PDB file of N, CA and C in Angstrom:
ATOM      1  N   MET A   1      16.704  -4.137   5.545  1.00  0.00           N
ATOM      2  CA  MET A   1      17.169  -2.767   5.431  1.00  0.00           C
ATOM      3  C   MET A   1      16.044  -1.785   5.731  1.00  0.00           C
ATOM      4  N   ASN A   2      15.152  -2.129   6.649  1.00  0.00           N
ATOM      5  CA  ASN A   2      14.070  -1.218   7.017  1.00  0.00           C
ATOM      6  C   ASN A   2      14.622   0.003   7.726  1.00  0.00           C
ATOM      7  N   ASN A   3      14.080   1.154   7.385  1.00  0.00           N
ATOM      8  CA  ASN A   3      14.438   2.429   8.007  1.00  0.00           C
ATOM      9  C   ASN A   3      15.916   2.774   7.866  1.00  0.00           C
ATOM     10  N   VAL A   4      16.520   2.369   6.771  1.00  0.00           N
ATOM     11  CA  VAL A   4      17.920   2.690   6.517  1.00  0.00           C
ATOM     12  C   VAL A   4      17.980   3.676   5.351  1.00  0.00           C
ATOM     13  N   PRO A   5      18.647   4.813   5.521  1.00  0.00           N
ATOM     14  CA  PRO A   5      18.746   5.778   4.420  1.00  0.00           C
ATOM     15  C   PRO A   5      19.476   5.173   3.224  1.00  0.00           C
ATOM     16  N   PHE A   6      19.117   5.658   2.038  1.00  0.00           N
ATOM     17  CA  PHE A   6      19.744   5.159   0.815  1.00  0.00           C
ATOM     18  C   PHE A   6      21.263   5.297   0.865  1.00  0.00           C
ATOM     19  N   ARG A   7      21.739   6.379   1.408  1.00  0.00           N
ATOM     20  CA  ARG A   7      23.185   6.589   1.469  1.00  0.00           C
ATOM     21  C   ARG A   7      23.873   5.465   2.241  1.00  0.00           C
ATOM     22  N   ARG A   8      23.243   5.033   3.331  1.00  0.00           N
ATOM     23  CA  ARG A   8      23.814   3.938   4.133  1.00  0.00           C
ATOM     24  C   ARG A   8      23.727   2.620   3.367  1.00  0.00           C
ATOM     25  N   ILE A   9      22.623   2.394   2.635  1.00  0.00           N
ATOM     26  CA  ILE A   9      22.499   1.179   1.826  1.00  0.00           C
ATOM     27  C   ILE A   9      23.628   1.130   0.797  1.00  0.00           C
ATOM     28  N   LEU A  10      23.902   2.263   0.161  1.00  0.00           N
ATOM     29  CA  LEU A  10      24.980   2.323  -0.832  1.00  0.00           C
ATOM     30  C   LEU A  10      26.331   2.014  -0.191  1.00  0.00           C
ATOM     31  N   GLN A  11      26.526   2.538   1.000  1.00  0.00           N
ATOM     32  CA  GLN A  11      27.799   2.332   1.693  1.00  0.00           C
ATOM     33  C   GLN A  11      27.968   0.860   2.097  1.00  0.00           C
ATOM     34  N   VAL A  12      26.916   0.258   2.630  1.00  0.00           N
ATOM     35  CA  VAL A  12      26.998  -1.125   3.111  1.00  0.00           C
ATOM     36  C   VAL A  12      27.145  -2.105   1.956  1.00  0.00           C
ATOM     37  N   THR A  13      26.360  -1.903   0.887  1.00  0.00           N
ATOM     38  CA  THR A  13      26.359  -2.866  -0.213  1.00  0.00           C
ATOM     39  C   THR A  13      27.465  -2.618  -1.231  1.00  0.00           C
ATOM     40  N   GLY A  14      27.956  -1.387  -1.304  1.00  0.00           N
ATOM     41  CA  GLY A  14      29.008  -1.060  -2.258  1.00  0.00           C
ATOM     42  C   GLY A  14      28.528  -0.931  -3.698  1.00  0.00           C
ATOM     43  N   ILE A  15      27.211  -0.751  -3.901  1.00  0.00           N
ATOM     44  CA  ILE A  15      26.701  -0.575  -5.260  1.00  0.00           C
ATOM     45  C   ILE A  15      26.543   0.910  -5.573  1.00  0.00           C
ATOM     46  N   SER A  16      26.366   1.231  -6.839  1.00  0.00           N
ATOM     47  CA  SER A  16      26.203   2.632  -7.231  1.00  0.00           C
ATOM     48  C   SER A  16      24.760   3.071  -7.003  1.00  0.00           C
ATOM     49  N   ALA A  17      24.567   4.380  -6.900  1.00  0.00           N
ATOM     50  CA  ALA A  17      23.224   4.933  -6.713  1.00  0.00           C
ATOM     51  C   ALA A  17      22.349   4.597  -7.916  1.00  0.00           C
ATOM     52  N   ASP A  18      22.923   4.629  -9.109  1.00  0.00           N
ATOM     53  CA  ASP A  18      22.167   4.309 -10.317  1.00  0.00           C
ATOM     54  C   ASP A  18      21.629   2.881 -10.253  1.00  0.00           C
ATOM     55  N   ARG A  19      22.448   1.957  -9.810  1.00  0.00           N
ATOM     56  CA  ARG A  19      22.001   0.557  -9.721  1.00  0.00           C
ATOM     57  C   ARG A  19      20.913   0.388  -8.672  1.00  0.00           C
ATOM     58  N   LEU A  20      21.056   1.077  -7.536  1.00  0.00           N
ATOM     59  CA  LEU A  20      20.040   0.999  -6.492  1.00  0.00           C
ATOM     60  C   LEU A  20      18.707   1.515  -7.007  1.00  0.00           C
ATOM     61  N   TYR A  21      18.702   2.671  -7.669  1.00  0.00           N
ATOM     62  CA  TYR A  21      17.452   3.233  -8.180  1.00  0.00           C
ATOM     63  C   TYR A  21      16.862   2.369  -9.296  1.00  0.00           C
ATOM     64  N   ARG A  22      17.701   1.765 -10.132  1.00  0.00           N
ATOM     65  CA  ARG A  22      17.184   0.853 -11.163  1.00  0.00           C
ATOM     66  C   ARG A  22      16.543  -0.373 -10.515  1.00  0.00           C
ATOM     67  N   ARG A  23      17.143  -0.878  -9.445  1.00  0.00           N
ATOM     68  CA  ARG A  23      16.601  -2.037  -8.741  1.00  0.00           C
ATOM     69  C   ARG A  23      15.264  -1.681  -8.077  1.00  0.00           C
ATOM     70  N   ILE A  24      15.182  -0.511  -7.464  1.00  0.00           N
ATOM     71  CA  ILE A  24      13.927  -0.070  -6.851  1.00  0.00           C
ATOM     72  C   ILE A  24      12.851   0.071  -7.917  1.00  0.00           C
ATOM     73  N   GLU A  25      13.193   0.656  -9.061  1.00  0.00           N
ATOM     74  CA  GLU A  25      12.234   0.802 -10.152  1.00  0.00           C
ATOM     75  C   GLU A  25      11.791  -0.567 -10.678  1.00  0.00           C
ATOM     76  N   PHE A  26      12.725  -1.513 -10.774  1.00  0.00           N
ATOM     77  CA  PHE A  26      12.386  -2.872 -11.203  1.00  0.00           C
ATOM     78  C   PHE A  26      11.384  -3.502 -10.242  1.00  0.00           C
ATOM     79  N   LEU A  27      11.628  -3.374  -8.945  1.00  0.00           N
ATOM     80  CA  LEU A  27      10.718  -3.946  -7.955  1.00  0.00           C
ATOM     81  C   LEU A  27       9.347  -3.274  -8.007  1.00  0.00           C
ATOM     82  N   ALA A  28       9.329  -1.966  -8.198  1.00  0.00           N
ATOM     83  CA  ALA A  28       8.054  -1.251  -8.320  1.00  0.00           C
ATOM     84  C   ALA A  28       7.287  -1.727  -9.550  1.00  0.00           C
ATOM     85  N   ASP A  29       7.988  -1.929 -10.666  1.00  0.00           N
ATOM     86  CA  ASP A  29       7.344  -2.457 -11.882  1.00  0.00           C
ATOM     87  C   ASP A  29       6.766  -3.837 -11.636  1.00  0.00           C
ATOM     88  N   GLN A  30       7.502  -4.693 -10.935  1.00  0.00           N
ATOM     89  CA  GLN A  30       7.018  -6.036 -10.628  1.00  0.00           C
ATOM     90  C   GLN A  30       5.757  -5.977  -9.765  1.00  0.00           C
ATOM     91  N   CYS A  31       5.729  -5.065  -8.813  1.00  0.00           N
ATOM     92  CA  CYS A  31       4.540  -4.909  -7.966  1.00  0.00           C
ATOM     93  C   CYS A  31       3.341  -4.444  -8.792  1.00  0.00           C
ATOM     94  N   ARG A  32       3.569  -3.491  -9.700  1.00  0.00           N
ATOM     95  CA  ARG A  32       2.484  -3.018 -10.554  1.00  0.00           C
ATOM     96  C   ARG A  32       1.965  -4.133 -11.463  1.00  0.00           C
ATOM     97  N   LEU A  33       2.866  -4.931 -12.043  1.00  0.00           N
ATOM     98  CA  LEU A  33       2.441  -6.040 -12.904  1.00  0.00           C
ATOM     99  C   LEU A  33       1.651  -7.085 -12.125  1.00  0.00           C
ATOM    100  N   PHE A  34       2.118  -7.408 -10.921  1.00  0.00           N
ATOM    101  CA  PHE A  34       1.423  -8.373 -10.078  1.00  0.00           C
ATOM    102  C   PHE A  34       0.015  -7.875  -9.740  1.00  0.00           C
ATOM    103  N   SER A  35      -0.080  -6.606  -9.353  1.00  0.00           N
ATOM    104  CA  SER A  35      -1.370  -6.020  -9.003  1.00  0.00           C
ATOM    105  C   SER A  35      -2.310  -6.000 -10.205  1.00  0.00           C
ATOM    106  N   ALA A  36      -1.797  -5.627 -11.371  1.00  0.00           N
ATOM    107  CA  ALA A  36      -2.629  -5.590 -12.578  1.00  0.00           C
ATOM    108  C   ALA A  36      -3.132  -6.983 -12.929  1.00  0.00           C
ATOM    109  N   HIS A  37      -2.278  -7.983 -12.802  1.00  0.00           N
ATOM    110  CA  HIS A  37      -2.681  -9.363 -13.091  1.00  0.00           C
ATOM    111  C   HIS A  37      -3.800  -9.805 -12.150  1.00  0.00           C
ATOM    112  N   ARG A  38      -3.661  -9.511 -10.878  1.00  0.00           N
ATOM    113  CA  ARG A  38      -4.683  -9.899  -9.900  1.00  0.00           C
ATOM    114  C   ARG A  38      -5.998  -9.182 -10.164  1.00  0.00           C
ATOM    115  N   LYS A  39      -5.926  -7.897 -10.541  1.00  0.00           N
ATOM    116  CA  LYS A  39      -7.149  -7.150 -10.824  1.00  0.00           C
ATOM    117  C   LYS A  39      -7.861  -7.714 -12.049  1.00  0.00           C
ATOM    118  N   ARG A  40      -7.101  -8.089 -13.084  1.00  0.00           N
ATOM    119  CA  ARG A  40      -7.724  -8.675 -14.275  1.00  0.00           C
ATOM    120  C   ARG A  40      -8.441  -9.978 -13.919  1.00  0.00           C
ATOM    121  N   ARG A  41      -7.806 -10.810 -13.098  1.00  0.00           N
ATOM    122  CA  ARG A  41      -8.433 -12.062 -12.672  1.00  0.00           C
ATOM    123  C   ARG A  41      -9.691 -11.791 -11.846  1.00  0.00           C
ATOM    124  N   LEU A  42      -9.636 -10.764 -10.991  1.00  0.00           N
ATOM    125  CA  LEU A  42     -10.786 -10.423 -10.161  1.00  0.00           C
ATOM    126  C   LEU A  42     -11.947  -9.949 -11.031  1.00  0.00           C
ATOM    127  N   TYR A  43     -11.677  -9.102 -12.026  1.00  0.00           N
ATOM    128  CA  TYR A  43     -12.731  -8.636 -12.921  1.00  0.00           C
ATOM    129  C   TYR A  43     -13.375  -9.797 -13.667  1.00  0.00           C
ATOM    130  N   LYS A  44     -12.563 -10.760 -14.107  1.00  0.00           N
ATOM    131  CA  LYS A  44     -13.108 -11.927 -14.805  1.00  0.00           C
ATOM    132  C   LYS A  44     -13.968 -12.769 -13.863  1.00  0.00           C
ATOM    133  N   ALA A  45     -13.563 -12.892 -12.628  1.00  0.00           N
ATOM    134  CA  ALA A  45     -14.309 -13.694 -11.657  1.00  0.00           C
ATOM    135  C   ALA A  45     -15.681 -13.089 -11.370  1.00  0.00           C
ATOM    136  N   PHE A  46     -15.782 -11.758 -11.419  1.00  0.00           N
ATOM    137  CA  PHE A  46     -17.045 -11.092 -11.120  1.00  0.00           C
ATOM    138  C   PHE A  46     -17.840 -10.720 -12.362  1.00  0.00           C
ATOM    139  N   ALA A  47     -17.411 -11.116 -13.533  1.00  0.00           N
ATOM    140  CA  ALA A  47     -18.117 -10.770 -14.773  1.00  0.00           C
ATOM    141  C   ALA A  47     -19.542 -11.310 -14.724  1.00  0.00           C
ATOM    142  N   GLY A  48     -20.503 -10.438 -14.986  1.00  0.00           N
ATOM    143  CA  GLY A  48     -21.902 -10.842 -15.018  1.00  0.00           C
ATOM    144  C   GLY A  48     -22.557 -10.991 -13.664  1.00  0.00           C
ATOM    145  N   ARG A  49     -21.892 -10.635 -12.597  1.00  0.00           N
ATOM    146  CA  ARG A  49     -22.442 -10.753 -11.244  1.00  0.00           C
ATOM    147  C   ARG A  49     -22.576  -9.375 -10.619  1.00  0.00           C
ATOM    148  N   ASN A  50     -23.433  -9.290  -9.614  1.00  0.00           N
ATOM    149  CA  ASN A  50     -23.494  -8.073  -8.806  1.00  0.00           C
ATOM    150  C   ASN A  50     -22.324  -8.106  -7.832  1.00  0.00           C
ATOM    151  N   ARG A  51     -21.594  -7.045  -7.777  1.00  0.00           N
ATOM    152  CA  ARG A  51     -20.456  -6.973  -6.880  1.00  0.00           C
ATOM    153  C   ARG A  51     -20.863  -6.219  -5.611  1.00  0.00           C
ATOM    154  N   VAL A  52     -20.580  -6.792  -4.465  1.00  0.00           N
ATOM    155  CA  VAL A  52     -20.883  -6.173  -3.188  1.00  0.00           C
ATOM    156  C   VAL A  52     -19.579  -6.049  -2.428  1.00  0.00           C
ATOM    157  N   ILE A  53     -19.288  -4.843  -1.993  1.00  0.00           N
ATOM    158  CA  ILE A  53     -18.042  -4.588  -1.276  1.00  0.00           C
ATOM    159  C   ILE A  53     -18.395  -4.017   0.093  1.00  0.00           C
ATOM    160  N   ALA A  54     -17.841  -4.591   1.132  1.00  0.00           N
ATOM    161  CA  ALA A  54     -18.060  -4.096   2.484  1.00  0.00           C
ATOM    162  C   ALA A  54     -16.705  -3.901   3.161  1.00  0.00           C
ATOM    163  N   THR A  55     -16.552  -2.802   3.841  1.00  0.00           N
ATOM    164  CA  THR A  55     -15.316  -2.536   4.580  1.00  0.00           C
ATOM    165  C   THR A  55     -15.675  -2.180   6.014  1.00  0.00           C
ATOM    166  N   ASP A  56     -14.684  -2.092   6.849  1.00  0.00           N
ATOM    167  CA  ASP A  56     -14.939  -1.766   8.235  1.00  0.00           C
ATOM    168  C   ASP A  56     -14.044  -0.625   8.691  1.00  0.00           C
ATOM    169  N   ILE A  57     -14.184  -0.278   9.952  1.00  0.00           N
ATOM    170  CA  ILE A  57     -13.387   0.799  10.543  1.00  0.00           C
ATOM    171  C   ILE A  57     -12.240   0.167  11.322  1.00  0.00           C
ATOM    172  N   GLN A  58     -11.046   0.668  11.099  1.00  0.00           N
ATOM    173  CA  GLN A  58      -9.868   0.151  11.780  1.00  0.00           C
ATOM    174  C   GLN A  58      -9.391   1.157  12.833  1.00  0.00           C
ATOM    175  N   PRO A  59      -9.209   0.714  14.072  1.00  0.00           N
ATOM    176  CA  PRO A  59      -8.647   1.634  15.067  1.00  0.00           C
ATOM    177  C   PRO A  59      -7.143   1.835  14.803  1.00  0.00           C
ATOM    178  N   VAL A  60      -6.703   3.060  14.893  1.00  0.00           N
ATOM    179  CA  VAL A  60      -5.303   3.393  14.651  1.00  0.00           C
ATOM    180  C   VAL A  60      -4.773   4.127  15.878  1.00  0.00           C
ATOM    181  N   LEU A  61      -3.615   3.730  16.344  1.00  0.00           N
ATOM    182  CA  LEU A  61      -3.003   4.370  17.499  1.00  0.00           C
ATOM    183  C   LEU A  61      -1.933   5.338  17.022  1.00  0.00           C
ATOM    184  N   PHE A  62      -2.096   6.619  17.341  1.00  0.00           N
ATOM    185  CA  PHE A  62      -1.129   7.641  16.973  1.00  0.00           C
ATOM    186  C   PHE A  62      -0.281   7.993  18.182  1.00  0.00           C
ATOM    187  N   ILE A  63       1.003   8.105  17.986  1.00  0.00           N
ATOM    188  CA  ILE A  63       1.913   8.559  19.033  1.00  0.00           C
ATOM    189  C   ILE A  63       2.322   9.984  18.667  1.00  0.00           C
ATOM    190  N   GLU A  64       1.952  10.938  19.517  1.00  0.00           N
ATOM    191  CA  GLU A  64       2.282  12.334  19.275  1.00  0.00           C
ATOM    192  C   GLU A  64       3.419  12.738  20.207  1.00  0.00           C
ATOM    193  N   ILE A  65       4.447  13.323  19.632  1.00  0.00           N
ATOM    194  CA  ILE A  65       5.589  13.768  20.417  1.00  0.00           C
ATOM    195  C   ILE A  65       5.620  15.293  20.383  1.00  0.00           C
ATOM    196  N   GLY A  66       5.637  15.882  21.546  1.00  0.00           N
ATOM    197  CA  GLY A  66       5.641  17.337  21.646  1.00  0.00           C
ATOM    198  C   GLY A  66       6.603  17.785  22.720  1.00  0.00           C
ATOM    199  N   GLU A  67       6.465  19.048  23.121  1.00  0.00           N
ATOM    200  CA  GLU A  67       7.366  19.608  24.133  1.00  0.00           C
ATOM    201  C   GLU A  67       7.199  18.916  25.486  1.00  0.00           C
ATOM    202  N   GLY A  68       5.988  18.509  25.805  1.00  0.00           N
ATOM    203  CA  GLY A  68       5.726  17.876  27.094  1.00  0.00           C
ATOM    204  C   GLY A  68       5.955  16.373  27.088  1.00  0.00           C
ATOM    205  N   GLY A  69       6.590  15.844  26.055  1.00  0.00           N
ATOM    206  CA  GLY A  69       6.807  14.406  25.960  1.00  0.00           C
ATOM    207  C   GLY A  69       5.900  13.808  24.901  1.00  0.00           C
ATOM    208  N   TRP A  70       5.540  12.558  25.100  1.00  0.00           N
ATOM    209  CA  TRP A  70       4.698  11.891  24.101  1.00  0.00           C
ATOM    210  C   TRP A  70       3.383  11.500  24.722  1.00  0.00           C
ATOM    211  N   ARG A  71       2.368  11.343  23.871  1.00  0.00           N
ATOM    212  CA  ARG A  71       1.078  10.842  24.321  1.00  0.00           C
ATOM    213  C   ARG A  71       0.462  10.024  23.202  1.00  0.00           C
ATOM    214  N   ALA A  72      -0.281   9.025  23.588  1.00  0.00           N
ATOM    215  CA  ALA A  72      -0.949   8.160  22.622  1.00  0.00           C
ATOM    216  C   ALA A  72      -2.369   8.669  22.395  1.00  0.00           C
ATOM    217  N   ARG A  73      -2.806   8.627  21.150  1.00  0.00           N
ATOM    218  CA  ARG A  73      -4.158   9.058  20.792  1.00  0.00           C
ATOM    219  C   ARG A  73      -4.731   8.018  19.844  1.00  0.00           C
ATOM    220  N   GLU A  74      -5.905   7.488  20.186  1.00  0.00           N
ATOM    221  CA  GLU A  74      -6.536   6.495  19.319  1.00  0.00           C
ATOM    222  C   GLU A  74      -7.567   7.188  18.438  1.00  0.00           C
ATOM    223  N   SER A  75      -7.619   6.782  17.204  1.00  0.00           N
ATOM    224  CA  SER A  75      -8.549   7.348  16.247  1.00  0.00           C
ATOM    225  C   SER A  75      -9.094   6.222  15.386  1.00  0.00           C
ATOM    226  N   SER A  76     -10.258   6.428  14.800  1.00  0.00           N
ATOM    227  CA  SER A  76     -10.836   5.432  13.900  1.00  0.00           C
ATOM    228  C   SER A  76     -10.709   5.926  12.469  1.00  0.00           C
ATOM    229  N   VAL A  77     -10.313   5.037  11.601  1.00  0.00           N
ATOM    230  CA  VAL A  77     -10.158   5.358  10.190  1.00  0.00           C
ATOM    231  C   VAL A  77     -11.162   4.512   9.420  1.00  0.00           C
ATOM    232  N   GLU A  78     -12.057   5.175   8.697  1.00  0.00           N
ATOM    233  CA  GLU A  78     -13.044   4.444   7.905  1.00  0.00           C
ATOM    234  C   GLU A  78     -12.608   4.481   6.453  1.00  0.00           C
ATOM    235  N   SER A  79     -12.399   3.305   5.870  1.00  0.00           N
ATOM    236  CA  SER A  79     -11.914   3.260   4.496  1.00  0.00           C
ATOM    237  C   SER A  79     -13.039   3.508   3.506  1.00  0.00           C
ATOM    238  N   SER A  80     -14.162   2.912   3.684  1.00  0.00           N
ATOM    239  CA  SER A  80     -15.342   3.168   2.855  1.00  0.00           C
ATOM    240  C   SER A  80     -16.523   2.448   3.465  1.00  0.00           C
ATOM    241  N   SER A  81     -17.674   2.593   2.863  1.00  0.00           N
ATOM    242  CA  SER A  81     -18.865   1.972   3.417  1.00  0.00           C
ATOM    243  C   SER A  81     -19.396   0.908   2.468  1.00  0.00           C
ATOM    244  N   TYR A  82     -20.508   0.312   2.847  1.00  0.00           N
ATOM    245  CA  TYR A  82     -21.138  -0.742   2.057  1.00  0.00           C
ATOM    246  C   TYR A  82     -21.511  -0.188   0.686  1.00  0.00           C
ATOM    247  N   THR A  83     -21.104  -0.864  -0.352  1.00  0.00           N
ATOM    248  CA  THR A  83     -21.361  -0.394  -1.709  1.00  0.00           C
ATOM    249  C   THR A  83     -21.861  -1.542  -2.567  1.00  0.00           C
ATOM    250  N   ARG A  84     -22.828  -1.260  -3.395  1.00  0.00           N
ATOM    251  CA  ARG A  84     -23.304  -2.256  -4.361  1.00  0.00           C
ATOM    252  C   ARG A  84     -23.121  -1.656  -5.746  1.00  0.00           C
ATOM    253  N   SER A  85     -22.511  -2.422  -6.630  1.00  0.00           N
ATOM    254  CA  SER A  85     -22.235  -1.942  -7.975  1.00  0.00           C
ATOM    255  C   SER A  85     -22.991  -2.790  -8.984  1.00  0.00           C
ATOM    256  N   GLU A  86     -23.729  -2.145  -9.863  1.00  0.00           N
ATOM    257  CA  GLU A  86     -24.466  -2.842 -10.909  1.00  0.00           C
ATOM    258  C   GLU A  86     -23.756  -2.709 -12.255  1.00  0.00           C
ATOM    259  N   SER A  87     -22.783  -1.831 -12.343  1.00  0.00           N
ATOM    260  CA  SER A  87     -22.114  -1.588 -13.618  1.00  0.00           C
ATOM    261  C   SER A  87     -21.048  -2.627 -13.885  1.00  0.00           C
ATOM    262  N   SER A  88     -20.701  -2.782 -15.131  1.00  0.00           N
ATOM    263  CA  SER A  88     -19.661  -3.745 -15.498  1.00  0.00           C
ATOM    264  C   SER A  88     -18.292  -3.125 -15.331  1.00  0.00           C
ATOM    265  N   PRO A  89     -17.269  -3.911 -15.033  1.00  0.00           N
ATOM    266  CA  PRO A  89     -15.914  -3.377 -14.868  1.00  0.00           C
ATOM    267  C   PRO A  89     -15.342  -2.906 -16.197  1.00  0.00           C
ATOM    268  N   ARG A  90     -14.432  -1.977 -16.088  1.00  0.00           N
ATOM    269  CA  ARG A  90     -13.795  -1.427 -17.288  1.00  0.00           C
ATOM    270  C   ARG A  90     -12.531  -2.148 -17.609  1.00  0.00           C
TER     271      ARG A  90
END
């Protein structure tokens, strides 16, 4: 159901809007619980160690649509740089 408006999902599945929103909230809660569990395990794995994090730059292709048609524009997105942390996790 990628790129399908909620109204169409309701029409196709025949469920109520309340049920759809409760299901979306349930899935969001599951994602948050999964992420929290993984973060707790990661903090335990790095306990007492120096943590070193390195990231890179990802090229991103943007498609711009205007009056003269469309054009592609490439840009670089830097998420962060080399970081060393000496502090303990919270």
